[in-house]
Amino acid sequence: MTAAAPLLQVRDLEVRFRAGGIDLPGLNVPGFGARYVNAVNRVSLSVAPGETIGIVGESGCGKSTLGRAILGLVETQGGEVRFAGDPVAPRDRTSIARLRARAAMIFQDPYASLNPKLDIGEAIAEVLRVHGKAAPDAIAARVAELLRLVGLSPELARRKPHQLSGGQCQRVGIARALAIEPSLIIADECVAALDVSIQAQILNLLMELQRRMSLSLVFISHDLGVVRHLCRRVAVMYLGRIVEIGLTEDVFAAPRHPYTRALLAAVPDIDPDRALAPAQLRGEPPSPLDLPAGCPFHPRCPHAQEICARGVVPELRRTGDIRVACHFDLPPMTQQGEDP
C-alpha cells in the first residue's frame, strides 16, 4: 500500500516583519535602514489526511506565525503552501478562499476570537452563511447541531460571549471552525488560557472530533505534555526554524537536537525522589534582529564546536526516523536528561 498524499504541504515558507527603520532606496545611511525579523525562516512540513502534528517551542519561536501564514492570515515573503495538491498563492484571493473553505483556525483567546456584539448563535450562523454551508431556513437547526457536537446546549445560542465561561467560549470557537466542515484545523495555543480541568475537557473534545470526522490537526503549543498526549508527530521550532521533527514518541524518547533535549529536561517531574536535571541551556535567546552566524542555537548549546559558529546553518537531515538540524549525531540521554 502507498502512503496517502499529504493534505497540507509547506515548503521553504518565509515570513518577515519590519521592525523599525526606513527604506532608503539606493542610499546606505547607517542606523536608518529598515530592519526585519525572520519570524518564519524556510520552514517545510507536511500533514497527512487525518493526522495530528504538534508544533512546539519557546514563546517567540514563530510557531503561531507559521499557523497564521499557512491560512494566509499573515503575508509570506517566500516559499509555497499546497492544500490537497493545489497551490495557495499569497495574493490570489481565489486560492486563499478555496483553502479557507476547507481549513479553519482555533485561536488562543476564546473571548477575543468572538465578536462581543453578536450572540453565540449568530456568530456560528455567520460562518454558515458566508461559506454557503446551510440553506437560510436550515441555519438555526445547524447551529443547534454544532453546539451539541461540541458539548453545549443549543439554548446558549441566545447568549453573548461575556455571559459564557472561557471553556464555553472555546467550545463555540471550535463549533465555528467545524461549521465549514473542514478537512484541516489549526489550533493555536487553544487551551493555554483555560484552567487545567477545562483544558482536559477541550483536549478530549478535539481528540474525539478528530477521530469522528477524520480531521487533520496542526496543534500549536508550548506544553510538551499536551502535545505528547494529543499528537502523532511533533516539530520543534527555534528562532523561526524547525530544528527537529519526527514521530512524537521517538522525539520524546530519544531527542537528537540539543534544544529539544533542553525543552524536555525543563519539564517538571512530580517524583520527589528524582534529582532535578541540570540546566541544559546557557544564556538567553539571541535577538531575532541580530542572529549569530552559523547555527542560531550555538551560543546556548552545550555541545557547540567550531563548525557550529561558522556561516553554515545546519539543514534538516534524516537520523533514523527523525529529521534534525544539527551537525552532530549526539549520544542518547540518560533518564535524568544527561548525556552518558
Protein backbone atom coordinates (compact mmCIF):
# COMPACT_ATOMS: atom_id res chain seq x y z
CA MET A 1 0.00 0.00 0.00
CA THR A 2 1.23 3.51 -0.78
CA ALA A 3 1.05 6.36 1.72
CA ALA A 4 -1.75 8.87 1.24
CA ALA A 5 -0.79 12.10 -0.48
CA PRO A 6 -0.31 14.96 2.01
CA LEU A 7 -3.33 17.14 2.64
CA LEU A 8 -1.07 20.09 3.51
CA GLN A 9 2.41 20.75 2.16
CA VAL A 10 4.58 23.67 3.28
CA ARG A 11 7.90 24.21 1.51
CA ASP A 12 10.58 26.75 2.50
CA LEU A 13 7.96 29.16 3.91
CA GLU A 14 9.27 32.58 4.94
CA VAL A 15 7.61 35.38 6.92
CA ARG A 16 9.42 38.64 7.66
CA PHE A 17 8.17 41.51 9.78
CA ARG A 18 9.52 45.03 9.60
CA ALA A 19 10.97 46.10 12.94
CA GLY A 20 11.79 49.76 12.53
CA GLY A 21 13.93 51.93 10.28
CA ILE A 22 13.01 53.37 6.91
CA ASP A 23 13.55 52.26 3.33
CA LEU A 24 16.16 54.40 1.58
CA PRO A 25 16.49 53.01 -1.97
CA GLY A 26 20.00 53.46 -3.29
CA LEU A 27 21.15 55.19 -0.13
CA ASN A 28 23.04 53.47 2.67
CA VAL A 29 22.69 55.52 5.84
CA PRO A 30 23.84 53.65 8.99
CA GLY A 31 21.15 53.46 11.65
CA PHE A 32 18.28 54.45 9.36
CA GLY A 33 17.84 51.39 7.15
CA ALA A 34 14.77 49.19 7.57
CA ARG A 35 15.28 46.13 9.78
CA TYR A 36 13.35 42.89 9.55
CA VAL A 37 12.63 39.89 11.78
CA ASN A 38 12.63 36.49 10.08
CA ALA A 39 9.69 35.12 12.07
CA VAL A 40 9.41 32.01 9.89
CA ASN A 41 12.65 31.02 8.17
CA ARG A 42 12.38 28.43 5.36
CA VAL A 43 10.02 26.05 7.17
CA SER A 44 8.94 22.86 5.43
CA LEU A 45 6.47 20.26 6.70
CA SER A 46 3.57 18.13 5.53
CA VAL A 47 0.37 16.89 7.13
CA ALA A 48 -1.37 13.72 6.00
CA PRO A 49 -5.16 13.32 5.92
CA GLY A 50 -6.42 12.57 9.42
CA GLU A 51 -3.03 13.23 11.03
CA THR A 52 -2.31 15.29 14.13
CA ILE A 53 1.02 17.13 14.28
CA GLY A 54 2.25 19.32 17.14
CA ILE A 55 4.43 22.40 16.74
CA VAL A 56 6.32 23.34 19.91
CA GLY A 57 8.93 25.85 21.03
CA GLU A 58 9.51 28.82 23.30
CA SER A 59 7.42 31.97 23.04
CA GLY A 60 8.54 33.98 20.03
CA CYS A 61 9.91 31.00 18.09
CA GLY A 62 7.47 31.60 15.21
CA LYS A 63 5.04 28.74 15.70
CA SER A 64 1.89 30.91 15.84
CA THR A 65 3.08 32.98 12.88
CA LEU A 66 3.58 29.74 10.94
CA GLY A 67 -0.01 28.70 11.63
CA ARG A 68 -1.37 32.05 10.50
CA ALA A 69 0.85 32.07 7.42
CA ILE A 70 -0.49 28.69 6.32
CA LEU A 71 -4.02 30.14 6.23
CA GLY A 72 -2.92 33.40 4.63
CA LEU A 73 -3.64 35.47 7.74
CA VAL A 74 -0.16 36.99 7.54
CA GLU A 75 1.74 37.76 4.35
CA THR A 76 4.54 35.44 3.31
CA GLN A 77 7.71 36.53 1.53
CA GLY A 78 8.83 33.19 0.16
CA GLY A 79 8.09 29.51 -0.11
CA GLU A 80 4.97 27.62 -1.04
CA VAL A 81 1.81 26.26 0.57
CA ARG A 82 -0.18 23.50 -1.13
CA PHE A 83 -3.52 22.22 0.06
CA ALA A 84 -4.91 18.99 -1.39
CA GLY A 85 -2.31 19.35 -4.12
CA ASP A 86 -3.35 22.86 -5.17
CA PRO A 87 -1.02 25.84 -4.66
CA VAL A 88 -2.17 28.64 -2.37
CA ALA A 89 -0.81 31.89 -3.77
CA PRO A 90 -0.27 34.68 -1.19
CA ARG A 91 -2.20 37.34 -3.14
CA ASP A 92 -4.62 35.10 -5.02
CA ARG A 93 -7.99 35.57 -3.33
CA THR A 94 -9.48 32.60 -5.16
CA SER A 95 -6.90 30.10 -3.93
CA ILE A 96 -6.99 31.52 -0.39
CA ALA A 97 -10.81 31.34 -0.35
CA ARG A 98 -10.61 27.74 -1.55
CA LEU A 99 -8.21 26.93 1.29
CA ARG A 100 -10.33 28.65 3.95
CA ALA A 101 -13.40 26.75 2.77
CA ARG A 102 -11.70 23.55 3.97
CA ALA A 103 -9.31 24.75 6.69
CA ALA A 104 -10.09 26.66 9.89
CA MET A 105 -8.28 28.06 12.91
CA ILE A 106 -8.98 27.93 16.64
CA PHE A 107 -7.34 30.86 18.43
CA GLN A 108 -5.76 31.13 21.87
CA ASP A 109 -8.04 33.74 23.44
CA PRO A 110 -11.60 32.35 23.47
CA TYR A 111 -13.15 35.76 24.18
CA ALA A 112 -11.16 37.83 21.69
CA SER A 113 -11.95 35.38 18.89
CA LEU A 114 -15.69 36.12 19.17
CA ASN A 115 -17.50 39.34 18.28
CA PRO A 116 -18.85 40.67 21.61
CA LYS A 117 -21.81 42.29 19.81
CA LEU A 118 -23.08 39.02 18.32
CA ASP A 119 -24.85 36.35 20.28
CA ILE A 120 -23.39 32.87 20.05
CA GLY A 121 -25.91 31.57 17.56
CA GLU A 122 -25.32 34.47 15.18
CA ALA A 123 -21.53 34.05 15.43
CA ILE A 124 -21.87 30.49 14.15
CA ALA A 125 -24.64 31.33 11.66
CA GLU A 126 -22.39 33.98 10.11
CA VAL A 127 -19.87 31.29 9.13
CA LEU A 128 -22.61 29.09 7.67
CA ARG A 129 -23.91 31.96 5.52
CA VAL A 130 -20.52 33.17 4.29
CA HIS A 131 -19.47 29.68 3.19
CA GLY A 132 -22.92 28.59 2.00
CA LYS A 133 -22.98 25.57 4.30
CA ALA A 134 -26.71 25.69 5.09
CA ALA A 135 -29.89 26.94 3.44
CA PRO A 136 -31.39 30.03 5.15
CA ASP A 137 -34.24 28.04 6.68
CA ALA A 138 -31.83 25.35 7.97
CA ILE A 139 -29.29 27.62 9.67
CA ALA A 140 -30.91 27.59 13.13
CA ALA A 141 -31.05 23.80 13.15
CA ARG A 142 -27.43 23.53 12.02
CA VAL A 143 -26.31 25.98 14.74
CA ALA A 144 -28.04 23.84 17.35
CA GLU A 145 -26.41 20.71 15.90
CA LEU A 146 -22.95 22.27 16.05
CA LEU A 147 -23.44 23.41 19.64
CA ARG A 148 -24.45 19.90 20.65
CA LEU A 149 -21.47 18.50 18.76
CA VAL A 150 -19.06 20.48 20.98
CA GLY A 151 -20.93 19.66 24.18
CA LEU A 152 -23.00 22.84 24.60
CA SER A 153 -26.75 23.29 25.00
CA PRO A 154 -28.48 24.90 21.98
CA GLU A 155 -30.09 27.27 24.49
CA LEU A 156 -26.74 29.08 24.75
CA ALA A 157 -27.22 30.35 21.20
CA ARG A 158 -29.07 33.38 22.56
CA ARG A 159 -26.25 34.44 24.91
CA LYS A 160 -23.41 36.86 24.32
CA PRO A 161 -19.75 35.80 24.76
CA HIS A 162 -19.39 37.67 28.07
CA GLN A 163 -22.17 35.50 29.51
CA LEU A 164 -20.16 32.32 28.93
CA SER A 165 -17.11 30.88 30.66
CA GLY A 166 -13.75 30.66 28.91
CA GLY A 167 -14.19 26.95 28.28
CA GLN A 168 -17.66 27.50 26.81
CA CYS A 169 -16.33 30.26 24.54
CA GLN A 170 -13.56 27.99 23.32
CA ARG A 171 -16.15 25.33 22.51
CA VAL A 172 -18.02 27.96 20.50
CA GLY A 173 -14.75 28.71 18.68
CA ILE A 174 -14.45 25.02 17.85
CA ALA A 175 -18.06 24.97 16.66
CA ARG A 176 -17.32 27.92 14.34
CA ALA A 177 -14.33 26.04 12.95
CA LEU A 178 -16.44 22.93 12.38
CA ALA A 179 -19.16 24.96 10.65
CA ILE A 180 -17.22 24.96 7.38
CA GLU A 181 -16.93 21.15 7.55
CA PRO A 182 -13.12 21.38 7.44
CA SER A 183 -10.50 18.84 6.47
CA LEU A 184 -7.84 20.72 8.48
CA ILE A 185 -7.92 22.64 11.75
CA ILE A 186 -5.01 24.72 13.06
CA ALA A 187 -5.31 25.08 16.84
CA ASP A 188 -3.09 27.91 18.12
CA GLU A 189 -2.46 27.52 21.88
CA CYS A 190 -6.20 26.85 22.13
CA VAL A 191 -6.10 25.64 25.75
CA ALA A 192 -3.35 27.92 27.12
CA ALA A 193 -5.78 30.49 28.56
CA LEU A 194 -8.00 27.89 30.28
CA ASP A 195 -7.94 26.26 33.70
CA VAL A 196 -6.25 22.86 33.79
CA SER A 197 -9.50 20.94 34.31
CA ILE A 198 -11.12 22.75 31.38
CA GLN A 199 -8.01 22.12 29.26
CA ALA A 200 -8.51 18.39 29.64
CA GLN A 201 -12.14 18.67 28.53
CA ILE A 202 -11.24 20.67 25.42
CA LEU A 203 -8.39 18.31 24.52
CA ASN A 204 -10.65 15.27 24.88
CA LEU A 205 -13.23 17.03 22.69
CA LEU A 206 -10.62 17.72 19.99
CA MET A 207 -9.42 14.11 20.07
CA GLU A 208 -12.97 12.81 19.75
CA LEU A 209 -13.81 15.18 16.89
CA GLN A 210 -10.54 14.33 15.13
CA ARG A 211 -11.34 10.62 15.24
CA ARG A 212 -15.01 11.00 14.36
CA MET A 213 -14.50 13.38 11.44
CA SER A 214 -11.02 12.22 10.27
CA LEU A 215 -9.71 15.76 10.69
CA SER A 216 -6.12 16.76 10.16
CA LEU A 217 -4.96 18.84 13.12
CA VAL A 218 -1.99 21.19 13.49
CA PHE A 219 -1.70 21.72 17.24
CA ILE A 220 0.49 24.67 18.25
CA SER A 221 1.56 24.66 21.89
CA HIS A 222 4.36 25.27 24.36
CA ASP A 223 3.04 22.45 26.57
CA LEU A 224 5.04 19.32 25.76
CA GLY A 225 2.84 17.09 27.89
CA VAL A 226 -0.27 18.07 25.95
CA VAL A 227 1.50 17.55 22.63
CA ARG A 228 2.72 14.12 23.67
CA HIS A 229 -0.83 13.15 24.64
CA LEU A 230 -2.50 14.50 21.51
CA CYS A 231 -0.14 14.39 18.54
CA ARG A 232 1.24 11.61 16.38
CA ARG A 233 4.17 13.74 15.14
CA VAL A 234 5.92 16.79 16.55
CA ALA A 235 8.00 19.60 15.06
CA VAL A 236 10.29 21.64 17.34
CA MET A 237 10.92 25.27 16.35
CA TYR A 238 13.71 27.62 17.41
CA LEU A 239 14.03 31.20 16.13
CA GLY A 240 11.81 30.64 13.12
CA ARG A 241 13.26 27.28 12.04
CA ILE A 242 12.27 23.67 12.58
CA VAL A 243 15.22 22.02 14.32
CA GLU A 244 13.71 18.56 14.85
CA ILE A 245 10.69 16.70 13.50
CA GLY A 246 9.52 13.11 13.81
CA LEU A 247 7.09 10.76 15.49
CA THR A 248 6.22 12.16 18.90
CA GLU A 249 7.22 9.07 20.86
CA ASP A 250 10.54 8.84 19.01
CA VAL A 251 11.38 12.51 19.63
CA PHE A 252 10.39 12.34 23.30
CA ALA A 253 12.20 9.04 23.90
CA ALA A 254 15.45 9.97 22.13
CA PRO A 255 15.65 13.66 21.17
CA ARG A 256 18.54 14.38 18.81
CA HIS A 257 18.75 18.18 18.86
CA PRO A 258 20.25 19.90 21.94
CA TYR A 259 17.37 22.38 22.01
CA THR A 260 14.77 19.60 22.09
CA ARG A 261 16.72 17.98 24.91
CA ALA A 262 16.69 21.23 26.85
CA LEU A 263 12.93 21.62 26.41
CA LEU A 264 12.27 18.09 27.63
CA ALA A 265 14.70 18.43 30.54
CA ALA A 266 12.83 21.55 31.67
CA VAL A 267 9.52 19.68 32.07
CA PRO A 268 8.81 19.38 35.82
CA ASP A 269 8.90 15.88 37.30
CA ILE A 270 6.41 15.08 40.05
CA ASP A 271 8.64 12.34 41.52
CA PRO A 272 10.12 13.92 44.71
CA ASP A 273 12.88 11.29 44.85
CA ARG A 274 14.26 12.06 41.40
CA ALA A 275 17.04 14.63 41.25
CA LEU A 276 16.45 17.73 39.17
CA ALA A 277 18.09 17.61 35.76
CA PRO A 278 20.98 20.05 35.35
CA ALA A 279 20.34 23.17 33.31
CA GLN A 280 20.71 22.38 29.60
CA LEU A 281 20.89 25.93 28.22
CA ARG A 282 23.16 28.86 28.85
CA GLY A 283 22.35 32.49 28.31
CA GLU A 284 19.29 33.95 26.67
CA PRO A 285 17.97 33.54 23.12
CA PRO A 286 19.67 35.98 20.73
CA SER A 287 17.73 38.89 19.30
CA PRO A 288 15.90 37.85 16.10
CA LEU A 289 17.18 41.15 14.66
CA ASP A 290 20.79 40.08 15.18
CA LEU A 291 21.09 36.33 14.76
CA PRO A 292 24.54 34.78 15.22
CA ALA A 293 26.44 33.32 12.30
CA GLY A 294 26.19 29.59 11.72
CA CYS A 295 23.72 27.59 13.78
CA PRO A 296 21.42 30.09 15.56
CA PHE A 297 21.43 27.84 18.63
CA HIS A 298 25.20 27.54 19.05
CA PRO A 299 25.69 30.38 21.63
CA ARG A 300 23.45 28.43 24.05
CA CYS A 301 24.39 24.89 23.06
CA PRO A 302 26.45 22.75 25.49
CA HIS A 303 27.77 20.70 22.54
CA ALA A 304 28.79 23.61 20.28
CA GLN A 305 32.08 23.33 18.40
CA GLU A 306 33.90 25.49 15.88
CA ILE A 307 31.82 24.32 12.91
CA CYS A 308 28.64 25.48 14.65
CA ALA A 309 29.79 29.12 14.68
CA ARG A 310 30.68 29.22 11.01
CA GLY A 311 28.40 30.66 8.37
CA VAL A 312 26.69 27.35 7.53
CA VAL A 313 23.24 26.87 9.07
CA PRO A 314 22.59 23.13 9.53
CA GLU A 315 19.72 21.84 7.40
CA LEU A 316 17.29 19.14 8.45
CA ARG A 317 18.78 15.72 7.78
CA ARG A 318 17.40 12.29 8.50
CA THR A 319 18.72 10.38 11.52
CA GLY A 320 16.72 7.18 11.78
CA ASP A 321 13.05 8.16 11.72
CA ILE A 322 13.78 11.71 12.93
CA ARG A 323 14.98 14.71 10.94
CA VAL A 324 17.25 17.03 12.88
CA ALA A 325 19.09 20.28 12.08
CA CYS A 326 22.38 19.63 13.85
CA HIS A 327 25.93 18.99 12.64
CA PHE A 328 26.38 16.07 15.05
CA ASP A 329 24.79 12.75 15.99
CA LEU A 330 24.55 13.15 19.75
CA PRO A 331 24.60 10.14 22.11
CA PRO A 332 21.32 9.13 23.79
CA MET A 333 20.31 10.84 27.02
CA THR A 334 20.08 9.14 30.39
CA GLN A 335 16.81 9.10 32.31
CA GLN A 336 17.76 12.32 34.09
CA GLY A 337 18.25 14.13 30.78
CA GLU A 338 22.06 14.00 30.82
CA ASP A 339 24.39 12.64 28.20
CA PRO A 340 26.22 9.46 29.25
